[in-house]
Structure formats: C-alpha cells, structure tokens
Full PDB file with SEQRES, HELIX, SHEET, SSBOND, CRYST1, ORIGX, SCALE, CONECT and MASTER records, all heavy atoms in Angstrom:
SEQRES   1 A   32  ASP PHE PRO ALA ILE ASN SER PHE LEU ARG ASP HIS LEU          
SEQRES   2 A   32  PRO ALA GLY VAL SER TYR ILE VAL VAL ARG GLY LYS ILE          
SEQRES   3 A   32  CYS ARG LYS ALA TRP LEU                                      
HELIX    1 AA1 PHE A    2  HIS A   12  1                                  11    
CRYST1    1.000    1.000    1.000  90.00  90.00  90.00 P 1           1          
ORIGX1      1.000000  0.000000  0.000000        0.00000                         
ORIGX2      0.000000  1.000000  0.000000        0.00000                         
ORIGX3      0.000000  0.000000  1.000000        0.00000                         
SCALE1      1.000000  0.000000  0.000000        0.00000                         
SCALE2      0.000000  1.000000  0.000000        0.00000                         
SCALE3      0.000000  0.000000  1.000000        0.00000                         
ATOM      1  N   ASP A   1     -81.164  25.002 -32.674  1.00  0.00           N  
ATOM      2  CA  ASP A   1     -82.525  25.514 -32.509  1.00  0.00           C  
ATOM      3  C   ASP A   1     -82.660  26.976 -32.932  1.00  0.00           C  
ATOM      4  O   ASP A   1     -83.753  27.556 -32.801  1.00  0.00           O  
ATOM      5  CB  ASP A   1     -82.972  25.380 -31.047  1.00  0.00           C  
ATOM      6  CG  ASP A   1     -83.281  23.939 -30.652  1.00  0.00           C  
ATOM      7  OD1 ASP A   1     -83.746  23.189 -31.528  1.00  0.00           O  
ATOM      8  OD2 ASP A   1     -83.057  23.579 -29.489  1.00  0.00           O  
ATOM      9  N   PHE A   2     -81.580  27.590 -33.431  1.00  0.00           N  
ATOM     10  CA  PHE A   2     -81.641  29.012 -33.760  1.00  0.00           C  
ATOM     11  C   PHE A   2     -82.716  29.352 -34.792  1.00  0.00           C  
ATOM     12  O   PHE A   2     -83.496  30.287 -34.574  1.00  0.00           O  
ATOM     13  CB  PHE A   2     -80.284  29.525 -34.241  1.00  0.00           C  
ATOM     14  CG  PHE A   2     -80.339  30.945 -34.730  1.00  0.00           C  
ATOM     15  CD1 PHE A   2     -80.546  31.988 -33.841  1.00  0.00           C  
ATOM     16  CD2 PHE A   2     -80.216  31.241 -36.084  1.00  0.00           C  
ATOM     17  CE1 PHE A   2     -80.617  33.311 -34.290  1.00  0.00           C  
ATOM     18  CE2 PHE A   2     -80.286  32.550 -36.540  1.00  0.00           C  
ATOM     19  CZ  PHE A   2     -80.484  33.588 -35.634  1.00  0.00           C  
ATOM     20  N   PRO A   3     -82.822  28.639 -35.921  1.00  0.00           N  
ATOM     21  CA  PRO A   3     -83.869  29.015 -36.883  1.00  0.00           C  
ATOM     22  C   PRO A   3     -85.266  28.997 -36.277  1.00  0.00           C  
ATOM     23  O   PRO A   3     -86.081  29.894 -36.536  1.00  0.00           O  
ATOM     24  CB  PRO A   3     -83.714  27.975 -37.996  1.00  0.00           C  
ATOM     25  CG  PRO A   3     -82.281  27.542 -37.912  1.00  0.00           C  
ATOM     26  CD  PRO A   3     -81.973  27.544 -36.443  1.00  0.00           C  
ATOM     27  N   ALA A   4     -85.529  27.996 -35.447  1.00  0.00           N  
ATOM     28  CA  ALA A   4     -86.866  27.882 -34.850  1.00  0.00           C  
ATOM     29  C   ALA A   4     -87.122  29.007 -33.860  1.00  0.00           C  
ATOM     30  O   ALA A   4     -88.210  29.609 -33.855  1.00  0.00           O  
ATOM     31  CB  ALA A   4     -87.015  26.522 -34.169  1.00  0.00           C  
ATOM     32  N   ILE A   5     -86.138  29.327 -33.000  1.00  0.00           N  
ATOM     33  CA  ILE A   5     -86.371  30.376 -31.998  1.00  0.00           C  
ATOM     34  C   ILE A   5     -86.391  31.741 -32.667  1.00  0.00           C  
ATOM     35  O   ILE A   5     -87.149  32.637 -32.267  1.00  0.00           O  
ATOM     36  CB  ILE A   5     -85.317  30.320 -30.864  1.00  0.00           C  
ATOM     37  CG1 ILE A   5     -85.812  31.136 -29.648  1.00  0.00           C  
ATOM     38  CG2 ILE A   5     -83.975  30.863 -31.320  1.00  0.00           C  
ATOM     39  CD1 ILE A   5     -87.015  30.572 -28.971  1.00  0.00           C  
ATOM     40  N   ASN A   6     -85.605  31.928 -33.709  1.00  0.00           N  
ATOM     41  CA  ASN A   6     -85.603  33.206 -34.419  1.00  0.00           C  
ATOM     42  C   ASN A   6     -86.965  33.450 -35.054  1.00  0.00           C  
ATOM     43  O   ASN A   6     -87.507  34.567 -34.993  1.00  0.00           O  
ATOM     44  CB  ASN A   6     -84.502  33.205 -35.477  1.00  0.00           C  
ATOM     45  CG  ASN A   6     -84.137  34.596 -35.923  1.00  0.00           C  
ATOM     46  OD1 ASN A   6     -84.042  35.528 -35.120  1.00  0.00           O  
ATOM     47  ND2 ASN A   6     -83.916  34.772 -37.215  1.00  0.00           N  
ATOM     48  N   SER A   7     -87.551  32.412 -35.644  1.00  0.00           N  
ATOM     49  CA  SER A   7     -88.886  32.530 -36.220  1.00  0.00           C  
ATOM     50  C   SER A   7     -89.928  32.822 -35.143  1.00  0.00           C  
ATOM     51  O   SER A   7     -90.811  33.666 -35.320  1.00  0.00           O  
ATOM     52  CB  SER A   7     -89.244  31.236 -36.958  1.00  0.00           C  
ATOM     53  OG  SER A   7     -90.560  31.285 -37.458  1.00  0.00           O  
ATOM     54  N   PHE A   8     -89.794  32.154 -33.994  1.00  0.00           N  
ATOM     55  CA  PHE A   8     -90.721  32.382 -32.880  1.00  0.00           C  
ATOM     56  C   PHE A   8     -90.653  33.835 -32.409  1.00  0.00           C  
ATOM     57  O   PHE A   8     -91.693  34.480 -32.192  1.00  0.00           O  
ATOM     58  CB  PHE A   8     -90.393  31.438 -31.728  1.00  0.00           C  
ATOM     59  CG  PHE A   8     -91.222  31.660 -30.495  1.00  0.00           C  
ATOM     60  CD1 PHE A   8     -92.427  31.001 -30.316  1.00  0.00           C  
ATOM     61  CD2 PHE A   8     -90.810  32.556 -29.509  1.00  0.00           C  
ATOM     62  CE1 PHE A   8     -93.205  31.223 -29.187  1.00  0.00           C  
ATOM     63  CE2 PHE A   8     -91.580  32.782 -28.380  1.00  0.00           C  
ATOM     64  CZ  PHE A   8     -92.780  32.112 -28.223  1.00  0.00           C  
ATOM     65  N   LEU A   9     -89.453  34.352 -32.245  1.00  0.00           N  
ATOM     66  CA  LEU A   9     -89.293  35.720 -31.752  1.00  0.00           C  
ATOM     67  C   LEU A   9     -89.871  36.726 -32.736  1.00  0.00           C  
ATOM     68  O   LEU A   9     -90.520  37.704 -32.340  1.00  0.00           O  
ATOM     69  CB  LEU A   9     -87.817  36.011 -31.488  1.00  0.00           C  
ATOM     70  CG  LEU A   9     -87.184  35.206 -30.352  1.00  0.00           C  
ATOM     71  CD1 LEU A   9     -85.672  35.325 -30.386  1.00  0.00           C  
ATOM     72  CD2 LEU A   9     -87.712  35.669 -28.995  1.00  0.00           C  
ATOM     73  N   ARG A  10     -89.662  36.509 -34.003  1.00  0.00           N  
ATOM     74  CA  ARG A  10     -90.202  37.421 -35.005  1.00  0.00           C  
ATOM     75  C   ARG A  10     -91.729  37.412 -35.002  1.00  0.00           C  
ATOM     76  O   ARG A  10     -92.371  38.436 -35.248  1.00  0.00           O  
ATOM     77  CB  ARG A  10     -89.669  37.044 -36.384  1.00  0.00           C  
ATOM     78  CG  ARG A  10     -88.191  37.376 -36.567  1.00  0.00           C  
ATOM     79  CD  ARG A  10     -87.674  36.904 -37.916  1.00  0.00           C  
ATOM     80  NE  ARG A  10     -86.296  37.316 -38.124  1.00  0.00           N  
ATOM     81  CZ  ARG A  10     -85.554  36.952 -39.168  1.00  0.00           C  
ATOM     82  NH1 ARG A  10     -86.087  36.149 -40.103  1.00  0.00           N  
ATOM     83  NH2 ARG A  10     -84.304  37.371 -39.292  1.00  0.00           N  
ATOM     84  N   ASP A  11     -92.311  36.263 -34.700  1.00  0.00           N  
ATOM     85  CA  ASP A  11     -93.764  36.148 -34.690  1.00  0.00           C  
ATOM     86  C   ASP A  11     -94.405  36.681 -33.411  1.00  0.00           C  
ATOM     87  O   ASP A  11     -95.556  37.139 -33.437  1.00  0.00           O  
ATOM     88  CB  ASP A  11     -94.180  34.677 -34.868  1.00  0.00           C  
ATOM     89  CG  ASP A  11     -93.900  34.153 -36.265  1.00  0.00           C  
ATOM     90  OD1 ASP A  11     -93.708  34.971 -37.187  1.00  0.00           O  
ATOM     91  OD2 ASP A  11     -93.845  32.911 -36.425  1.00  0.00           O  
ATOM     92  N   HIS A  12     -93.672  36.630 -32.294  1.00  0.00           N  
ATOM     93  CA  HIS A  12     -94.305  36.904 -31.000  1.00  0.00           C  
ATOM     94  C   HIS A  12     -93.803  38.160 -30.292  1.00  0.00           C  
ATOM     95  O   HIS A  12     -94.500  38.658 -29.397  1.00  0.00           O  
ATOM     96  CB  HIS A  12     -94.120  35.698 -30.063  1.00  0.00           C  
ATOM     97  CG  HIS A  12     -94.877  34.485 -30.507  1.00  0.00           C  
ATOM     98  ND1 HIS A  12     -94.358  33.569 -31.402  1.00  0.00           N  
ATOM     99  CD2 HIS A  12     -96.130  34.040 -30.201  1.00  0.00           C  
ATOM    100  CE1 HIS A  12     -95.248  32.607 -31.615  1.00  0.00           C  
ATOM    101  NE2 HIS A  12     -96.324  32.872 -30.902  1.00  0.00           N  
ATOM    102  N   LEU A  13     -92.633  38.665 -30.649  1.00  0.00           N  
ATOM    103  CA  LEU A  13     -92.172  39.894 -30.016  1.00  0.00           C  
ATOM    104  C   LEU A  13     -92.845  41.097 -30.664  1.00  0.00           C  
ATOM    105  O   LEU A  13     -92.961  41.160 -31.892  1.00  0.00           O  
ATOM    106  CB  LEU A  13     -90.654  40.042 -30.153  1.00  0.00           C  
ATOM    107  CG  LEU A  13     -89.775  39.510 -29.036  1.00  0.00           C  
ATOM    108  CD1 LEU A  13     -88.303  39.770 -29.355  1.00  0.00           C  
ATOM    109  CD2 LEU A  13     -90.133  40.097 -27.683  1.00  0.00           C  
ATOM    110  N   PRO A  14     -93.276  42.065 -29.865  1.00  0.00           N  
ATOM    111  CA  PRO A  14     -93.835  43.284 -30.461  1.00  0.00           C  
ATOM    112  C   PRO A  14     -92.807  43.988 -31.343  1.00  0.00           C  
ATOM    113  O   PRO A  14     -91.596  43.898 -31.108  1.00  0.00           O  
ATOM    114  CB  PRO A  14     -94.188  44.136 -29.231  1.00  0.00           C  
ATOM    115  CG  PRO A  14     -94.357  43.158 -28.118  1.00  0.00           C  
ATOM    116  CD  PRO A  14     -93.370  42.069 -28.392  1.00  0.00           C  
ATOM    117  N   ALA A  15     -93.286  44.690 -32.343  1.00  0.00           N  
ATOM    118  CA  ALA A  15     -92.395  45.409 -33.252  1.00  0.00           C  
ATOM    119  C   ALA A  15     -91.535  46.400 -32.467  1.00  0.00           C  
ATOM    120  O   ALA A  15     -92.021  47.076 -31.563  1.00  0.00           O  
ATOM    121  CB  ALA A  15     -93.222  46.144 -34.307  1.00  0.00           C  
ATOM    122  N   GLY A  16     -90.263  46.457 -32.830  1.00  0.00           N  
ATOM    123  CA  GLY A  16     -89.355  47.421 -32.213  1.00  0.00           C  
ATOM    124  C   GLY A  16     -88.598  46.904 -31.016  1.00  0.00           C  
ATOM    125  O   GLY A  16     -87.684  47.583 -30.522  1.00  0.00           O  
ATOM    126  N   VAL A  17     -88.943  45.719 -30.507  1.00  0.00           N  
ATOM    127  CA  VAL A  17     -88.210  45.153 -29.370  1.00  0.00           C  
ATOM    128  C   VAL A  17     -86.959  44.440 -29.887  1.00  0.00           C  
ATOM    129  O   VAL A  17     -87.053  43.516 -30.698  1.00  0.00           O  
ATOM    130  CB  VAL A  17     -89.085  44.175 -28.563  1.00  0.00           C  
ATOM    131  CG1 VAL A  17     -88.266  43.532 -27.442  1.00  0.00           C  
ATOM    132  CG2 VAL A  17     -90.296  44.896 -27.989  1.00  0.00           C  
ATOM    133  N   SER A  18     -85.806  44.870 -29.420  1.00  0.00           N  
ATOM    134  CA  SER A  18     -84.547  44.265 -29.844  1.00  0.00           C  
ATOM    135  C   SER A  18     -84.330  42.940 -29.136  1.00  0.00           C  
ATOM    136  O   SER A  18     -84.740  42.758 -27.979  1.00  0.00           O  
ATOM    137  CB  SER A  18     -83.382  45.203 -29.536  1.00  0.00           C  
ATOM    138  OG  SER A  18     -83.516  46.419 -30.226  1.00  0.00           O  
ATOM    139  N   TYR A  19     -83.663  42.028 -29.830  1.00  0.00           N  
ATOM    140  CA  TYR A  19     -83.298  40.768 -29.181  1.00  0.00           C  
ATOM    141  C   TYR A  19     -81.980  40.270 -29.731  1.00  0.00           C  
ATOM    142  O   TYR A  19     -81.549  40.637 -30.820  1.00  0.00           O  
ATOM    143  CB  TYR A  19     -84.393  39.714 -29.363  1.00  0.00           C  
ATOM    144  CG  TYR A  19     -84.600  39.215 -30.778  1.00  0.00           C  
ATOM    145  CD1 TYR A  19     -83.870  38.128 -31.276  1.00  0.00           C  
ATOM    146  CD2 TYR A  19     -85.542  39.810 -31.614  1.00  0.00           C  
ATOM    147  CE1 TYR A  19     -84.071  37.662 -32.569  1.00  0.00           C  
ATOM    148  CE2 TYR A  19     -85.756  39.349 -32.896  1.00  0.00           C  
ATOM    149  CZ  TYR A  19     -85.012  38.275 -33.374  1.00  0.00           C  
ATOM    150  OH  TYR A  19     -85.217  37.821 -34.655  1.00  0.00           O  
ATOM    151  N   ILE A  20     -81.333  39.436 -28.943  1.00  0.00           N  
ATOM    152  CA  ILE A  20     -80.085  38.808 -29.334  1.00  0.00           C  
ATOM    153  C   ILE A  20     -80.159  37.358 -28.878  1.00  0.00           C  
ATOM    154  O   ILE A  20     -80.700  37.073 -27.802  1.00  0.00           O  
ATOM    155  CB  ILE A  20     -78.883  39.554 -28.713  1.00  0.00           C  
ATOM    156  CG1 ILE A  20     -77.563  39.016 -29.247  1.00  0.00           C  
ATOM    157  CG2 ILE A  20     -78.917  39.504 -27.201  1.00  0.00           C  
ATOM    158  CD1 ILE A  20     -76.379  39.878 -28.825  1.00  0.00           C  
ATOM    159  N   VAL A  21     -79.666  36.434 -29.701  1.00  0.00           N  
ATOM    160  CA  VAL A  21     -79.731  35.007 -29.386  1.00  0.00           C  
ATOM    161  C   VAL A  21     -78.309  34.452 -29.350  1.00  0.00           C  
ATOM    162  O   VAL A  21     -77.559  34.595 -30.318  1.00  0.00           O  
ATOM    163  CB  VAL A  21     -80.558  34.226 -30.422  1.00  0.00           C  
ATOM    164  CG1 VAL A  21     -80.717  32.764 -29.987  1.00  0.00           C  
ATOM    165  CG2 VAL A  21     -81.928  34.870 -30.627  1.00  0.00           C  
ATOM    166  N   VAL A  22     -77.955  33.827 -28.230  1.00  0.00           N  
ATOM    167  CA  VAL A  22     -76.612  33.275 -28.056  1.00  0.00           C  
ATOM    168  C   VAL A  22     -76.702  31.850 -27.529  1.00  0.00           C  
ATOM    169  O   VAL A  22     -77.731  31.431 -27.002  1.00  0.00           O  
ATOM    170  CB  VAL A  22     -75.766  34.142 -27.103  1.00  0.00           C  
ATOM    171  CG1 VAL A  22     -75.579  35.542 -27.657  1.00  0.00           C  
ATOM    172  CG2 VAL A  22     -76.379  34.188 -25.707  1.00  0.00           C  
ATOM    173  N   ARG A  23     -75.578  31.141 -27.644  1.00  0.00           N  
ATOM    174  CA  ARG A  23     -75.507  29.799 -27.064  1.00  0.00           C  
ATOM    175  C   ARG A  23     -75.135  29.942 -25.586  1.00  0.00           C  
ATOM    176  O   ARG A  23     -74.073  30.458 -25.246  1.00  0.00           O  
ATOM    177  CB  ARG A  23     -74.432  28.975 -27.792  1.00  0.00           C  
ATOM    178  CG  ARG A  23     -74.522  27.449 -27.578  1.00  0.00           C  
ATOM    179  CD  ARG A  23     -73.951  26.979 -26.241  1.00  0.00           C  
ATOM    180  NE  ARG A  23     -74.066  25.558 -26.044  1.00  0.00           N  
ATOM    181  CZ  ARG A  23     -73.143  24.661 -26.445  1.00  0.00           C  
ATOM    182  NH1 ARG A  23     -72.058  25.066 -27.092  1.00  0.00           N  
ATOM    183  NH2 ARG A  23     -73.315  23.381 -26.188  1.00  0.00           N  
ATOM    184  N   GLY A  24     -76.020  29.513 -24.717  1.00  0.00           N  
ATOM    185  CA  GLY A  24     -75.746  29.526 -23.286  1.00  0.00           C  
ATOM    186  C   GLY A  24     -76.493  28.380 -22.643  1.00  0.00           C  
ATOM    187  O   GLY A  24     -77.728  28.385 -22.602  1.00  0.00           O  
ATOM    188  N   LYS A  25     -75.751  27.393 -22.167  1.00  0.00           N  
ATOM    189  CA  LYS A  25     -76.426  26.271 -21.500  1.00  0.00           C  
ATOM    190  C   LYS A  25     -77.127  26.762 -20.239  1.00  0.00           C  
ATOM    191  O   LYS A  25     -76.670  27.682 -19.567  1.00  0.00           O  
ATOM    192  CB  LYS A  25     -75.419  25.167 -21.181  1.00  0.00           C  
ATOM    193  CG  LYS A  25     -74.955  24.408 -22.419  1.00  0.00           C  
ATOM    194  CD  LYS A  25     -74.172  23.162 -22.037  1.00  0.00           C  
ATOM    195  CE  LYS A  25     -73.824  22.344 -23.271  1.00  0.00           C  
ATOM    196  NZ  LYS A  25     -73.098  21.095 -22.927  1.00  0.00           N  
ATOM    197  N   ILE A  26     -78.228  26.095 -19.912  1.00  0.00           N  
ATOM    198  CA  ILE A  26     -79.122  26.556 -18.855  1.00  0.00           C  
ATOM    199  C   ILE A  26     -78.996  25.632 -17.654  1.00  0.00           C  
ATOM    200  O   ILE A  26     -78.567  24.482 -17.765  1.00  0.00           O  
ATOM    201  CB  ILE A  26     -80.551  26.617 -19.414  1.00  0.00           C  
ATOM    202  CG1 ILE A  26     -80.541  27.491 -20.685  1.00  0.00           C  
ATOM    203  CG2 ILE A  26     -81.523  27.196 -18.404  1.00  0.00           C  
ATOM    204  CD1 ILE A  26     -81.732  27.281 -21.584  1.00  0.00           C  
ATOM    205  N   CYS A  27     -79.363  26.133 -16.479  1.00  0.00           N  
ATOM    206  CA  CYS A  27     -79.048  25.434 -15.229  1.00  0.00           C  
ATOM    207  C   CYS A  27     -79.758  24.083 -15.095  1.00  0.00           C  
ATOM    208  O   CYS A  27     -79.306  23.231 -14.338  1.00  0.00           O  
ATOM    209  CB  CYS A  27     -79.354  26.320 -14.034  1.00  0.00           C  
ATOM    210  SG  CYS A  27     -81.080  26.836 -13.892  1.00  0.00           S  
ATOM    211  N   ARG A  28     -80.885  23.889 -15.780  1.00  0.00           N  
ATOM    212  CA  ARG A  28     -81.521  22.573 -15.797  1.00  0.00           C  
ATOM    213  C   ARG A  28     -81.377  21.989 -17.207  1.00  0.00           C  
ATOM    214  O   ARG A  28     -81.684  22.666 -18.201  1.00  0.00           O  
ATOM    215  CB  ARG A  28     -83.001  22.659 -15.437  1.00  0.00           C  
ATOM    216  CG  ARG A  28     -83.274  23.070 -13.998  1.00  0.00           C  
ATOM    217  CD  ARG A  28     -84.723  22.769 -13.649  1.00  0.00           C  
ATOM    218  NE  ARG A  28     -85.173  23.516 -12.485  1.00  0.00           N  
ATOM    219  CZ  ARG A  28     -86.384  23.406 -11.952  1.00  0.00           C  
ATOM    220  NH1 ARG A  28     -87.278  22.585 -12.502  1.00  0.00           N  
ATOM    221  NH2 ARG A  28     -86.736  24.118 -10.902  1.00  0.00           N  
ATOM    222  N   LYS A  29     -80.955  20.765 -17.281  1.00  0.00           N  
ATOM    223  CA  LYS A  29     -80.722  20.146 -18.584  1.00  0.00           C  
ATOM    224  C   LYS A  29     -81.985  20.045 -19.419  1.00  0.00           C  
ATOM    225  O   LYS A  29     -81.919  20.002 -20.656  1.00  0.00           O  
ATOM    226  CB  LYS A  29     -80.096  18.763 -18.392  1.00  0.00           C  
ATOM    227  CG  LYS A  29     -78.721  18.803 -17.740  1.00  0.00           C  
ATOM    228  CD  LYS A  29     -78.171  17.409 -17.482  1.00  0.00           C  
ATOM    229  CE  LYS A  29     -76.838  17.471 -16.751  1.00  0.00           C  
ATOM    230  NZ  LYS A  29     -76.301  16.122 -16.458  1.00  0.00           N  
ATOM    231  N   ALA A  30     -83.153  20.007 -18.781  1.00  0.00           N  
ATOM    232  CA  ALA A  30     -84.408  19.881 -19.520  1.00  0.00           C  
ATOM    233  C   ALA A  30     -84.822  21.186 -20.190  1.00  0.00           C  
ATOM    234  O   ALA A  30     -85.690  21.184 -21.070  1.00  0.00           O  
ATOM    235  CB  ALA A  30     -85.516  19.405 -18.589  1.00  0.00           C  
ATOM    236  N   TRP A  31     -84.213  22.310 -19.783  1.00  0.00           N  
ATOM    237  CA  TRP A  31     -84.566  23.586 -20.378  1.00  0.00           C  
ATOM    238  C   TRP A  31     -83.777  23.804 -21.656  1.00  0.00           C  
ATOM    239  O   TRP A  31     -82.552  23.713 -21.671  1.00  0.00           O  
ATOM    240  CB  TRP A  31     -84.303  24.724 -19.407  1.00  0.00           C  
ATOM    241  CG  TRP A  31     -85.425  24.961 -18.448  1.00  0.00           C  
ATOM    242  CD1 TRP A  31     -86.752  24.777 -18.660  1.00  0.00           C  
ATOM    243  CD2 TRP A  31     -85.307  25.444 -17.104  1.00  0.00           C  
ATOM    244  NE1 TRP A  31     -87.482  25.110 -17.542  1.00  0.00           N  
ATOM    245  CE2 TRP A  31     -86.614  25.519 -16.577  1.00  0.00           C  
ATOM    246  CE3 TRP A  31     -84.236  25.822 -16.300  1.00  0.00           C  
ATOM    247  CZ2 TRP A  31     -86.875  25.962 -15.283  1.00  0.00           C  
ATOM    248  CZ3 TRP A  31     -84.487  26.264 -15.019  1.00  0.00           C  
ATOM    249  CH2 TRP A  31     -85.797  26.329 -14.511  1.00  0.00           C  
ATOM    250  N   LEU A  32     -84.479  24.124 -22.723  1.00  0.00           N  
ATOM    251  CA  LEU A  32     -83.858  24.364 -24.025  1.00  0.00           C  
ATOM    252  C   LEU A  32     -83.607  25.836 -24.278  1.00  0.00           C  
ATOM    253  O   LEU A  32     -82.778  26.184 -25.121  1.00  0.00           O  
ATOM    254  CB  LEU A  32     -84.768  23.808 -25.136  1.00  0.00           C  
ATOM    255  CG  LEU A  32     -85.153  22.334 -25.005  1.00  0.00           C  
ATOM    256  CD1 LEU A  32     -86.135  21.953 -26.119  1.00  0.00           C  
ATOM    257  CD2 LEU A  32     -83.918  21.440 -25.039  1.00  0.00           C  
TER     258      LEU A  32                                                      
MASTER        0    0    0    1    0    0    0    6  257    1    0    3          
END                                                                             
C-alpha cells in the first residue's frame, strides 16, 4: 500500500510537514 499512502500524504499533508512510512502491523487486523 506504500504508493497509495505516499500519494495520499503528498496530497493531504500541509507543505513542510515531514513524514516517514514504515511497515508496522496494527493492533486490529481490520486497520490498514
């Protein structure tokens, strides 16, 4: 899902806000 979330972050995060995307499973299986 990295390409999709990376595109989302670029479109929705204000300019200048840093972000990092890593693989980390989440406590509920339904959460992506």
